[in-house]
Amino acid sequence: MTLRVTGGEARGRVVSSPKGREARPTSSKIRQAIFNILGTRVVDASFLDICAGSGIMGIEALSRGARALTAIEIASRLAGDLEINLETLKYSDRADVIIGDARKILKQLPEDSFDIIFADPPYQSPLCRSILPILSRRRILRTSGILMVEHAKMVDLEVEQSDFELFELTDRRDYGQSSVSFFEFQSGRE
């Protein structure tokens, strides 16, 4: 499967993605919508891509001016493909690909490290419900940062908010069977 970068300096460039069900890349429609919402926030940002899969979200962020990318992916084959794509696009010097379980890796990352965090765990996986509390406790997102979670439309992350009380759901956008929920730190809780 081939994916195209939808914006920025690498717009139109092709990124390879594995065939089959190993990864479910974020669609170009959703990517464009997310980066339109982010606007200039992505410029010079430190971007964390959790469950990176093909890595297309992090590549989009770099193409649109992000200063640095950290991508976490458990599947070594996917991580290897991502590293090749980063090399091909000449983004390797601004990117760090970490292979392993996001729940363990998030606990090791330094606090106050990222301006933007994007999480796209497999829709049927319990990862979403375990990642969000870790992010709340670890505070790796900067106070002025934004957390975005792509999930199945039927999942209501606001109901689960007691697990990550530092965050406030500020927006949710639905795209077919997928949704993206946007969180920021609650005012007065920083």
N, C-alpha and C. Protein backbone atom coordinates (compact mmCIF):
# COMPACT_ATOMS: atom_id res chain seq x y z
N MET A 1 0.84 -1.17 0.00
CA MET A 1 0.00 0.00 0.00
C MET A 1 0.89 1.24 0.00
N THR A 2 0.53 2.23 -0.78
CA THR A 2 1.28 3.48 -0.79
C THR A 2 0.41 4.59 -0.22
N LEU A 3 1.06 5.48 0.50
CA LEU A 3 0.40 6.64 1.08
C LEU A 3 1.10 7.88 0.55
N ARG A 4 0.36 8.96 0.44
CA ARG A 4 0.96 10.22 0.01
C ARG A 4 0.89 11.23 1.15
N VAL A 5 1.97 11.96 1.31
CA VAL A 5 2.00 13.05 2.28
C VAL A 5 1.07 14.13 1.76
N THR A 6 0.19 14.65 2.62
CA THR A 6 -0.86 15.57 2.17
C THR A 6 -0.50 17.05 2.28
N GLY A 7 0.59 17.39 2.97
CA GLY A 7 0.91 18.81 3.09
C GLY A 7 2.35 19.05 3.47
N GLY A 8 2.77 20.31 3.36
CA GLY A 8 4.11 20.69 3.74
C GLY A 8 5.12 20.45 2.64
N GLU A 9 6.41 20.47 3.03
CA GLU A 9 7.49 20.38 2.06
C GLU A 9 7.54 19.04 1.31
N ALA A 10 7.03 17.98 1.91
CA ALA A 10 7.04 16.65 1.26
C ALA A 10 5.69 16.31 0.63
N ARG A 11 4.83 17.30 0.50
CA ARG A 11 3.50 17.06 -0.07
C ARG A 11 3.59 16.31 -1.39
N GLY A 12 2.77 15.26 -1.48
CA GLY A 12 2.73 14.45 -2.70
C GLY A 12 3.74 13.31 -2.73
N ARG A 13 4.73 13.34 -1.83
CA ARG A 13 5.72 12.26 -1.78
C ARG A 13 5.05 10.98 -1.29
N VAL A 14 5.53 9.86 -1.80
CA VAL A 14 4.96 8.56 -1.47
C VAL A 14 5.68 7.95 -0.27
N VAL A 15 4.90 7.40 0.64
CA VAL A 15 5.41 6.69 1.81
C VAL A 15 4.88 5.27 1.72
N SER A 16 5.77 4.29 1.81
CA SER A 16 5.29 2.91 1.73
C SER A 16 4.68 2.49 3.06
N SER A 17 3.68 1.64 2.96
CA SER A 17 3.00 1.12 4.13
C SER A 17 2.81 -0.38 3.94
N PRO A 18 2.87 -1.14 5.00
CA PRO A 18 2.75 -2.59 4.85
C PRO A 18 1.38 -3.01 4.35
N LYS A 19 1.38 -4.10 3.60
CA LYS A 19 0.12 -4.67 3.13
C LYS A 19 -0.52 -5.47 4.25
N GLY A 20 -1.80 -5.70 4.12
CA GLY A 20 -2.50 -6.53 5.09
C GLY A 20 -3.03 -5.73 6.26
N ARG A 21 -3.25 -6.41 7.37
CA ARG A 21 -3.92 -5.80 8.51
C ARG A 21 -2.96 -5.42 9.63
N GLU A 22 -1.67 -5.48 9.35
CA GLU A 22 -0.70 -5.18 10.41
C GLU A 22 -0.79 -3.72 10.86
N ALA A 23 -1.13 -2.84 9.94
CA ALA A 23 -1.27 -1.43 10.28
C ALA A 23 -2.53 -0.89 9.62
N ARG A 24 -3.12 0.11 10.25
CA ARG A 24 -4.29 0.79 9.71
C ARG A 24 -3.94 2.28 9.64
N PRO A 25 -3.29 2.70 8.55
CA PRO A 25 -2.85 4.09 8.47
C PRO A 25 -4.03 5.06 8.54
N THR A 26 -3.78 6.19 9.18
CA THR A 26 -4.79 7.24 9.24
C THR A 26 -5.05 7.73 7.83
N SER A 27 -6.32 7.81 7.46
CA SER A 27 -6.67 8.19 6.08
C SER A 27 -6.22 9.61 5.78
N SER A 28 -6.06 9.89 4.50
CA SER A 28 -5.63 11.23 4.09
C SER A 28 -6.65 12.28 4.51
N LYS A 29 -7.92 11.94 4.46
CA LYS A 29 -8.98 12.88 4.87
C LYS A 29 -8.81 13.27 6.34
N ILE A 30 -8.58 12.28 7.19
CA ILE A 30 -8.41 12.55 8.62
C ILE A 30 -7.11 13.30 8.87
N ARG A 31 -6.03 12.91 8.19
CA ARG A 31 -4.76 13.61 8.36
C ARG A 31 -4.88 15.09 8.00
N GLN A 32 -5.49 15.36 6.86
CA GLN A 32 -5.66 16.75 6.44
C GLN A 32 -6.49 17.51 7.47
N ALA A 33 -7.56 16.90 7.95
CA ALA A 33 -8.42 17.57 8.94
C ALA A 33 -7.65 17.87 10.22
N ILE A 34 -6.91 16.89 10.71
CA ILE A 34 -6.14 17.09 11.95
C ILE A 34 -5.14 18.21 11.79
N PHE A 35 -4.38 18.21 10.71
CA PHE A 35 -3.37 19.25 10.54
C PHE A 35 -3.98 20.61 10.22
N ASN A 36 -5.17 20.65 9.64
CA ASN A 36 -5.88 21.92 9.49
C ASN A 36 -6.28 22.46 10.86
N ILE A 37 -6.73 21.58 11.75
CA ILE A 37 -7.09 21.99 13.11
C ILE A 37 -5.86 22.48 13.86
N LEU A 38 -4.76 21.75 13.73
CA LEU A 38 -3.52 22.14 14.42
C LEU A 38 -2.96 23.45 13.88
N GLY A 39 -3.09 23.68 12.60
CA GLY A 39 -2.59 24.90 11.99
C GLY A 39 -1.11 25.09 12.27
N THR A 40 -0.76 26.27 12.74
CA THR A 40 0.65 26.60 12.96
C THR A 40 1.21 25.99 14.25
N ARG A 41 0.37 25.33 15.05
CA ARG A 41 0.87 24.70 16.28
C ARG A 41 1.93 23.64 15.98
N VAL A 42 1.87 23.07 14.79
CA VAL A 42 2.81 22.00 14.45
C VAL A 42 4.20 22.55 14.12
N VAL A 43 4.28 23.81 13.71
CA VAL A 43 5.56 24.40 13.34
C VAL A 43 6.46 24.48 14.57
N ASP A 44 7.63 23.88 14.45
CA ASP A 44 8.65 23.85 15.50
C ASP A 44 8.23 23.03 16.73
N ALA A 45 7.22 22.19 16.58
CA ALA A 45 6.73 21.37 17.69
C ALA A 45 7.53 20.07 17.82
N SER A 46 7.53 19.55 19.02
CA SER A 46 8.04 18.21 19.30
C SER A 46 6.83 17.28 19.28
N PHE A 47 6.81 16.32 18.36
CA PHE A 47 5.63 15.50 18.06
C PHE A 47 5.88 14.06 18.49
N LEU A 48 4.97 13.50 19.27
CA LEU A 48 5.04 12.09 19.68
C LEU A 48 3.92 11.33 18.99
N ASP A 49 4.28 10.27 18.28
CA ASP A 49 3.33 9.41 17.58
C ASP A 49 3.33 8.05 18.29
N ILE A 50 2.24 7.76 19.00
CA ILE A 50 2.11 6.52 19.77
C ILE A 50 1.36 5.50 18.92
N CYS A 51 1.88 4.29 18.84
CA CYS A 51 1.36 3.25 17.94
C CYS A 51 1.47 3.76 16.51
N ALA A 52 2.68 4.09 16.13
CA ALA A 52 2.95 4.81 14.88
C ALA A 52 2.58 4.04 13.62
N GLY A 53 2.64 2.72 13.65
CA GLY A 53 2.29 1.95 12.45
C GLY A 53 3.15 2.36 11.27
N SER A 54 2.51 2.84 10.20
CA SER A 54 3.23 3.26 9.01
C SER A 54 4.05 4.52 9.27
N GLY A 55 3.71 5.27 10.31
CA GLY A 55 4.43 6.50 10.63
C GLY A 55 3.96 7.71 9.85
N ILE A 56 2.88 7.57 9.11
CA ILE A 56 2.44 8.66 8.24
C ILE A 56 2.09 9.93 9.02
N MET A 57 1.56 9.81 10.24
CA MET A 57 1.22 11.02 11.00
C MET A 57 2.48 11.79 11.40
N GLY A 58 3.48 11.09 11.86
CA GLY A 58 4.73 11.75 12.22
C GLY A 58 5.43 12.34 11.02
N ILE A 59 5.39 11.64 9.91
CA ILE A 59 5.98 12.15 8.67
C ILE A 59 5.25 13.42 8.23
N GLU A 60 3.93 13.41 8.32
CA GLU A 60 3.14 14.62 8.01
C GLU A 60 3.57 15.78 8.90
N ALA A 61 3.75 15.49 10.19
CA ALA A 61 4.15 16.54 11.13
C ALA A 61 5.50 17.13 10.74
N LEU A 62 6.47 16.28 10.42
CA LEU A 62 7.78 16.76 10.00
C LEU A 62 7.68 17.57 8.70
N SER A 63 6.89 17.08 7.77
CA SER A 63 6.72 17.77 6.50
C SER A 63 6.13 19.16 6.70
N ARG A 64 5.28 19.29 7.72
CA ARG A 64 4.60 20.56 7.98
C ARG A 64 5.35 21.44 8.98
N GLY A 65 6.58 21.07 9.31
CA GLY A 65 7.42 21.96 10.08
C GLY A 65 7.72 21.57 11.51
N ALA A 66 7.30 20.37 11.95
CA ALA A 66 7.64 19.94 13.31
C ALA A 66 9.16 19.87 13.45
N ARG A 67 9.65 20.25 14.60
CA ARG A 67 11.09 20.24 14.88
C ARG A 67 11.61 18.83 15.07
N ALA A 68 10.82 17.98 15.76
CA ALA A 68 11.29 16.63 16.10
C ALA A 68 10.11 15.67 16.18
N LEU A 69 10.40 14.41 15.89
CA LEU A 69 9.42 13.33 15.97
C LEU A 69 9.98 12.20 16.81
N THR A 70 9.15 11.71 17.73
CA THR A 70 9.42 10.45 18.40
C THR A 70 8.26 9.54 18.04
N ALA A 71 8.56 8.39 17.47
CA ALA A 71 7.53 7.43 17.07
C ALA A 71 7.71 6.14 17.86
N ILE A 72 6.64 5.67 18.44
CA ILE A 72 6.66 4.41 19.20
C ILE A 72 5.86 3.38 18.42
N GLU A 73 6.48 2.24 18.16
CA GLU A 73 5.81 1.15 17.44
C GLU A 73 6.30 -0.18 17.99
N ILE A 74 5.38 -1.07 18.30
CA ILE A 74 5.73 -2.36 18.89
C ILE A 74 6.23 -3.36 17.84
N ALA A 75 5.73 -3.26 16.61
CA ALA A 75 6.10 -4.22 15.56
C ALA A 75 7.42 -3.79 14.92
N SER A 76 8.43 -4.61 15.07
CA SER A 76 9.75 -4.23 14.56
C SER A 76 9.77 -4.06 13.04
N ARG A 77 8.96 -4.84 12.33
CA ARG A 77 8.92 -4.70 10.87
C ARG A 77 8.36 -3.33 10.48
N LEU A 78 7.29 -2.91 11.16
CA LEU A 78 6.71 -1.59 10.88
C LEU A 78 7.70 -0.49 11.23
N ALA A 79 8.36 -0.63 12.37
CA ALA A 79 9.35 0.37 12.79
C ALA A 79 10.49 0.45 11.78
N GLY A 80 10.91 -0.69 11.27
CA GLY A 80 11.96 -0.71 10.25
C GLY A 80 11.54 -0.01 8.98
N ASP A 81 10.29 -0.27 8.54
CA ASP A 81 9.76 0.41 7.36
C ASP A 81 9.69 1.93 7.59
N LEU A 82 9.29 2.33 8.80
CA LEU A 82 9.21 3.75 9.13
C LEU A 82 10.60 4.39 9.05
N GLU A 83 11.59 3.71 9.57
CA GLU A 83 12.95 4.25 9.51
C GLU A 83 13.42 4.42 8.06
N ILE A 84 13.06 3.48 7.21
CA ILE A 84 13.41 3.59 5.78
C ILE A 84 12.71 4.79 5.16
N ASN A 85 11.41 4.97 5.47
CA ASN A 85 10.68 6.13 4.94
C ASN A 85 11.29 7.44 5.42
N LEU A 86 11.67 7.50 6.68
CA LEU A 86 12.28 8.71 7.23
C LEU A 86 13.61 9.01 6.53
N GLU A 87 14.38 7.96 6.26
CA GLU A 87 15.65 8.12 5.56
C GLU A 87 15.41 8.61 4.13
N THR A 88 14.45 8.00 3.46
CA THR A 88 14.14 8.38 2.08
C THR A 88 13.74 9.85 1.98
N LEU A 89 12.96 10.31 2.96
CA LEU A 89 12.49 11.70 2.95
C LEU A 89 13.49 12.67 3.60
N LYS A 90 14.61 12.13 4.05
CA LYS A 90 15.67 12.92 4.69
C LYS A 90 15.20 13.57 6.01
N TYR A 91 14.43 12.80 6.78
CA TYR A 91 13.97 13.26 8.09
C TYR A 91 14.62 12.49 9.25
N SER A 92 15.52 11.59 8.95
CA SER A 92 16.11 10.75 10.00
C SER A 92 16.78 11.55 11.11
N ASP A 93 17.38 12.67 10.76
CA ASP A 93 18.09 13.47 11.76
C ASP A 93 17.15 14.17 12.73
N ARG A 94 15.86 14.22 12.41
CA ARG A 94 14.87 14.87 13.28
C ARG A 94 13.92 13.87 13.91
N ALA A 95 14.19 12.57 13.74
CA ALA A 95 13.25 11.55 14.19
C ALA A 95 13.92 10.46 15.00
N ASP A 96 13.17 9.94 15.94
CA ASP A 96 13.63 8.83 16.78
C ASP A 96 12.52 7.78 16.78
N VAL A 97 12.81 6.59 16.30
CA VAL A 97 11.84 5.50 16.28
C VAL A 97 12.19 4.55 17.41
N ILE A 98 11.23 4.32 18.29
CA ILE A 98 11.44 3.44 19.44
C ILE A 98 10.57 2.20 19.26
N ILE A 99 11.20 1.04 19.31
CA ILE A 99 10.47 -0.23 19.15
C ILE A 99 10.13 -0.77 20.54
N GLY A 100 8.85 -1.01 20.77
CA GLY A 100 8.44 -1.59 22.04
C GLY A 100 7.01 -1.25 22.39
N ASP A 101 6.60 -1.72 23.56
CA ASP A 101 5.25 -1.53 24.07
C ASP A 101 5.12 -0.09 24.57
N ALA A 102 4.17 0.64 24.01
CA ALA A 102 3.99 2.05 24.36
C ALA A 102 3.77 2.24 25.86
N ARG A 103 3.09 1.32 26.50
CA ARG A 103 2.81 1.48 27.94
C ARG A 103 4.10 1.51 28.75
N LYS A 104 5.09 0.75 28.34
CA LYS A 104 6.37 0.75 29.05
C LYS A 104 7.22 1.95 28.66
N ILE A 105 7.24 2.26 27.39
CA ILE A 105 8.07 3.35 26.90
C ILE A 105 7.60 4.70 27.43
N LEU A 106 6.30 4.92 27.48
CA LEU A 106 5.77 6.19 27.98
C LEU A 106 6.21 6.47 29.41
N LYS A 107 6.38 5.42 30.18
CA LYS A 107 6.82 5.58 31.57
C LYS A 107 8.28 5.99 31.68
N GLN A 108 9.03 5.86 30.59
CA GLN A 108 10.46 6.18 30.60
C GLN A 108 10.79 7.52 29.96
N LEU A 109 9.84 8.10 29.24
CA LEU A 109 10.12 9.36 28.56
C LEU A 109 10.14 10.50 29.57
N PRO A 110 11.02 11.48 29.35
CA PRO A 110 11.11 12.61 30.29
C PRO A 110 9.83 13.46 30.29
N GLU A 111 9.51 14.00 31.44
CA GLU A 111 8.34 14.87 31.54
C GLU A 111 8.57 16.14 30.73
N ASP A 112 7.46 16.75 30.32
CA ASP A 112 7.48 18.04 29.63
C ASP A 112 8.27 17.99 28.33
N SER A 113 8.11 16.90 27.57
CA SER A 113 8.91 16.67 26.36
C SER A 113 8.22 17.01 25.04
N PHE A 114 6.88 16.97 25.02
CA PHE A 114 6.19 17.03 23.74
C PHE A 114 5.13 18.13 23.70
N ASP A 115 5.04 18.77 22.52
CA ASP A 115 4.02 19.79 22.28
C ASP A 115 2.73 19.16 21.76
N ILE A 116 2.89 18.10 20.98
CA ILE A 116 1.75 17.43 20.36
C ILE A 116 1.94 15.93 20.51
N ILE A 117 0.90 15.26 21.00
CA ILE A 117 0.92 13.80 21.08
C ILE A 117 -0.26 13.28 20.29
N PHE A 118 0.03 12.32 19.40
CA PHE A 118 -1.01 11.64 18.62
C PHE A 118 -0.95 10.16 18.97
N ALA A 119 -2.08 9.61 19.38
CA ALA A 119 -2.16 8.18 19.70
C ALA A 119 -3.20 7.53 18.80
N ASP A 120 -2.82 6.44 18.18
CA ASP A 120 -3.72 5.71 17.29
C ASP A 120 -3.58 4.21 17.54
N PRO A 121 -3.98 3.77 18.74
CA PRO A 121 -3.88 2.34 19.03
C PRO A 121 -4.88 1.54 18.20
N PRO A 122 -4.62 0.26 17.98
CA PRO A 122 -5.60 -0.57 17.26
C PRO A 122 -6.99 -0.42 17.90
N TYR A 123 -8.01 -0.28 17.07
CA TYR A 123 -9.35 0.02 17.57
C TYR A 123 -9.89 -1.01 18.56
N GLN A 124 -9.56 -2.27 18.38
CA GLN A 124 -10.09 -3.31 19.26
C GLN A 124 -9.19 -3.58 20.47
N SER A 125 -8.14 -2.83 20.59
CA SER A 125 -7.16 -3.06 21.65
C SER A 125 -7.50 -2.27 22.91
N PRO A 126 -7.12 -2.81 24.08
CA PRO A 126 -7.33 -2.07 25.33
C PRO A 126 -6.25 -0.99 25.55
N LEU A 127 -5.35 -0.84 24.59
CA LEU A 127 -4.26 0.12 24.74
C LEU A 127 -4.73 1.54 25.01
N CYS A 128 -5.79 1.96 24.36
CA CYS A 128 -6.26 3.34 24.52
C CYS A 128 -6.57 3.62 25.98
N ARG A 129 -7.28 2.73 26.62
CA ARG A 129 -7.66 2.93 28.01
C ARG A 129 -6.47 2.84 28.97
N SER A 130 -5.39 2.20 28.55
CA SER A 130 -4.21 2.14 29.43
C SER A 130 -3.20 3.24 29.13
N ILE A 131 -3.17 3.74 27.90
CA ILE A 131 -2.23 4.80 27.54
C ILE A 131 -2.63 6.13 28.16
N LEU A 132 -3.91 6.46 28.12
CA LEU A 132 -4.35 7.78 28.59
C LEU A 132 -4.05 8.04 30.06
N PRO A 133 -4.28 7.10 30.96
CA PRO A 133 -3.90 7.35 32.36
C PRO A 133 -2.39 7.54 32.54
N ILE A 134 -1.59 6.81 31.76
CA ILE A 134 -0.14 6.97 31.86
C ILE A 134 0.24 8.39 31.44
N LEU A 135 -0.34 8.88 30.37
CA LEU A 135 -0.04 10.23 29.90
C LEU A 135 -0.45 11.27 30.94
N SER A 136 -1.53 11.01 31.63
CA SER A 136 -1.99 11.94 32.67
C SER A 136 -1.02 11.96 33.85
N ARG A 137 -0.58 10.80 34.27
CA ARG A 137 0.32 10.72 35.42
C ARG A 137 1.74 11.19 35.10
N ARG A 138 2.24 10.87 33.91
CA ARG A 138 3.64 11.14 33.58
C ARG A 138 3.89 12.58 33.15
N ARG A 139 2.92 13.28 32.67
CA ARG A 139 3.05 14.68 32.27
C ARG A 139 4.15 14.89 31.22
N ILE A 140 4.21 14.00 30.23
CA ILE A 140 5.20 14.18 29.17
C ILE A 140 4.74 15.22 28.15
N LEU A 141 3.45 15.55 28.18
CA LEU A 141 2.91 16.60 27.33
C LEU A 141 3.14 17.94 28.02
N ARG A 142 3.66 18.89 27.27
CA ARG A 142 3.86 20.23 27.84
C ARG A 142 2.50 20.84 28.20
N THR A 143 2.50 21.75 29.14
CA THR A 143 1.26 22.35 29.64
C THR A 143 0.43 22.97 28.53
N SER A 144 1.08 23.57 27.56
CA SER A 144 0.36 24.21 26.46
C SER A 144 0.09 23.25 25.29
N GLY A 145 0.42 21.98 25.48
CA GLY A 145 0.32 21.01 24.39
C GLY A 145 -1.08 20.49 24.14
N ILE A 146 -1.17 19.63 23.13
CA ILE A 146 -2.44 19.01 22.75
C ILE A 146 -2.23 17.52 22.55
N LEU A 147 -3.19 16.74 23.02
CA LEU A 147 -3.21 15.29 22.86
C LEU A 147 -4.37 14.94 21.95
N MET A 148 -4.10 14.14 20.92
CA MET A 148 -5.14 13.69 20.00
C MET A 148 -5.16 12.17 19.99
N VAL A 149 -6.35 11.61 20.05
CA VAL A 149 -6.50 10.15 20.04
C VAL A 149 -7.46 9.77 18.93
N GLU A 150 -6.98 8.96 17.99
CA GLU A 150 -7.86 8.41 16.96
C GLU A 150 -8.43 7.10 17.50
N HIS A 151 -9.74 6.93 17.36
CA HIS A 151 -10.40 5.75 17.91
C HIS A 151 -11.66 5.43 17.12
N ALA A 152 -12.23 4.26 17.40
CA ALA A 152 -13.48 3.87 16.75
C ALA A 152 -14.58 4.85 17.17
N LYS A 153 -15.44 5.19 16.25
CA LYS A 153 -16.50 6.16 16.51
C LYS A 153 -17.38 5.76 17.69
N MET A 154 -17.58 4.47 17.88
CA MET A 154 -18.46 3.99 18.95
C MET A 154 -17.86 4.18 20.35
N VAL A 155 -16.57 4.48 20.44
CA VAL A 155 -15.91 4.65 21.73
C VAL A 155 -16.09 6.09 22.20
N ASP A 156 -16.54 6.24 23.45
CA ASP A 156 -16.73 7.56 24.04
C ASP A 156 -15.65 7.78 25.09
N LEU A 157 -14.60 8.48 24.71
CA LEU A 157 -13.48 8.69 25.63
C LEU A 157 -13.83 9.64 26.77
N GLU A 158 -14.85 10.46 26.59
CA GLU A 158 -15.23 11.38 27.66
C GLU A 158 -15.74 10.60 28.87
N VAL A 159 -16.39 9.48 28.65
CA VAL A 159 -16.88 8.64 29.74
C VAL A 159 -15.72 8.14 30.59
N GLU A 160 -14.60 7.88 29.94
CA GLU A 160 -13.43 7.33 30.63
C GLU A 160 -12.56 8.42 31.26
N GLN A 161 -13.00 9.65 31.22
CA GLN A 161 -12.14 10.76 31.61
C GLN A 161 -11.68 10.70 33.06
N SER A 162 -12.37 9.98 33.92
CA SER A 162 -11.93 9.89 35.31
C SER A 162 -10.55 9.23 35.41
N ASP A 163 -10.18 8.47 34.39
CA ASP A 163 -8.86 7.83 34.37
C ASP A 163 -7.73 8.79 34.02
N PHE A 164 -8.06 9.93 33.49
CA PHE A 164 -7.03 10.91 33.11
C PHE A 164 -7.54 12.31 33.42
N GLU A 165 -7.76 12.56 34.71
CA GLU A 165 -8.44 13.78 35.14
C GLU A 165 -7.69 15.07 34.84
N LEU A 166 -6.42 15.03 34.54
CA LEU A 166 -5.71 16.27 34.22
C LEU A 166 -6.11 16.81 32.85
N PHE A 167 -6.65 15.95 32.00
CA PHE A 167 -7.01 16.36 30.65
C PHE A 167 -8.48 16.71 30.54
N GLU A 168 -8.74 17.65 29.66
CA GLU A 168 -10.11 18.05 29.36
C GLU A 168 -10.36 17.78 27.88
N LEU A 169 -11.46 17.10 27.56
CA LEU A 169 -11.84 16.88 26.17
C LEU A 169 -12.29 18.22 25.60
N THR A 170 -11.57 18.73 24.61
CA THR A 170 -11.89 20.04 24.05
C THR A 170 -12.58 19.96 22.70
N ASP A 171 -12.49 18.82 22.04
CA ASP A 171 -13.11 18.68 20.72
C ASP A 171 -13.15 17.20 20.36
N ARG A 172 -14.10 16.85 19.52
CA ARG A 172 -14.18 15.50 18.96
C ARG A 172 -14.72 15.65 17.55
N ARG A 173 -14.04 15.01 16.63
CA ARG A 173 -14.47 15.04 15.23
C ARG A 173 -14.68 13.61 14.76
N ASP A 174 -15.80 13.39 14.08
CA ASP A 174 -16.14 12.07 13.55
C ASP A 174 -15.92 12.04 12.05
N TYR A 175 -15.29 10.95 11.59
CA TYR A 175 -15.00 10.75 10.17
C TYR A 175 -15.38 9.31 9.83
N GLY A 176 -16.56 9.09 9.30
CA GLY A 176 -17.01 7.73 9.00
C GLY A 176 -17.06 6.91 10.28
N GLN A 177 -16.34 5.79 10.33
CA GLN A 177 -16.33 4.92 11.50
C GLN A 177 -15.23 5.29 12.49
N SER A 178 -14.48 6.33 12.18
CA SER A 178 -13.39 6.78 13.05
C SER A 178 -13.73 8.11 13.69
N SER A 179 -13.10 8.37 14.82
CA SER A 179 -13.21 9.66 15.50
C SER A 179 -11.83 10.07 15.98
N VAL A 180 -11.66 11.37 16.14
CA VAL A 180 -10.45 11.91 16.76
C VAL A 180 -10.91 12.79 17.91
N SER A 181 -10.43 12.46 19.11
CA SER A 181 -10.73 13.26 20.30
C SER A 181 -9.50 14.09 20.64
N PHE A 182 -9.73 15.35 20.99
CA PHE A 182 -8.66 16.30 21.29
C PHE A 182 -8.73 16.65 22.78
N PHE A 183 -7.59 16.58 23.44
CA PHE A 183 -7.50 16.87 24.87
C PHE A 183 -6.43 17.92 25.12
N GLU A 184 -6.69 18.75 26.10
CA GLU A 184 -5.69 19.70 26.59
C GLU A 184 -5.73 19.63 28.11
N PHE A 185 -4.70 20.17 28.76
CA PHE A 185 -4.71 20.19 30.21
C PHE A 185 -5.85 21.08 30.69
N GLN A 186 -6.54 20.64 31.73
CA GLN A 186 -7.61 21.45 32.30
C GLN A 186 -7.05 22.74 32.85
N SER A 187 -7.73 23.82 32.60
CA SER A 187 -7.26 25.09 33.15
C SER A 187 -7.35 25.04 34.66
N GLY A 188 -6.35 25.59 35.31
CA GLY A 188 -6.28 25.55 36.77
C GLY A 188 -5.68 24.27 37.32
N ARG A 189 -5.40 23.29 36.44
CA ARG A 189 -4.84 22.01 36.90
C ARG A 189 -3.38 21.87 36.48
N GLU A 190 -2.83 22.89 35.82
CA GLU A 190 -1.48 22.77 35.29
C GLU A 190 -0.49 22.65 36.37
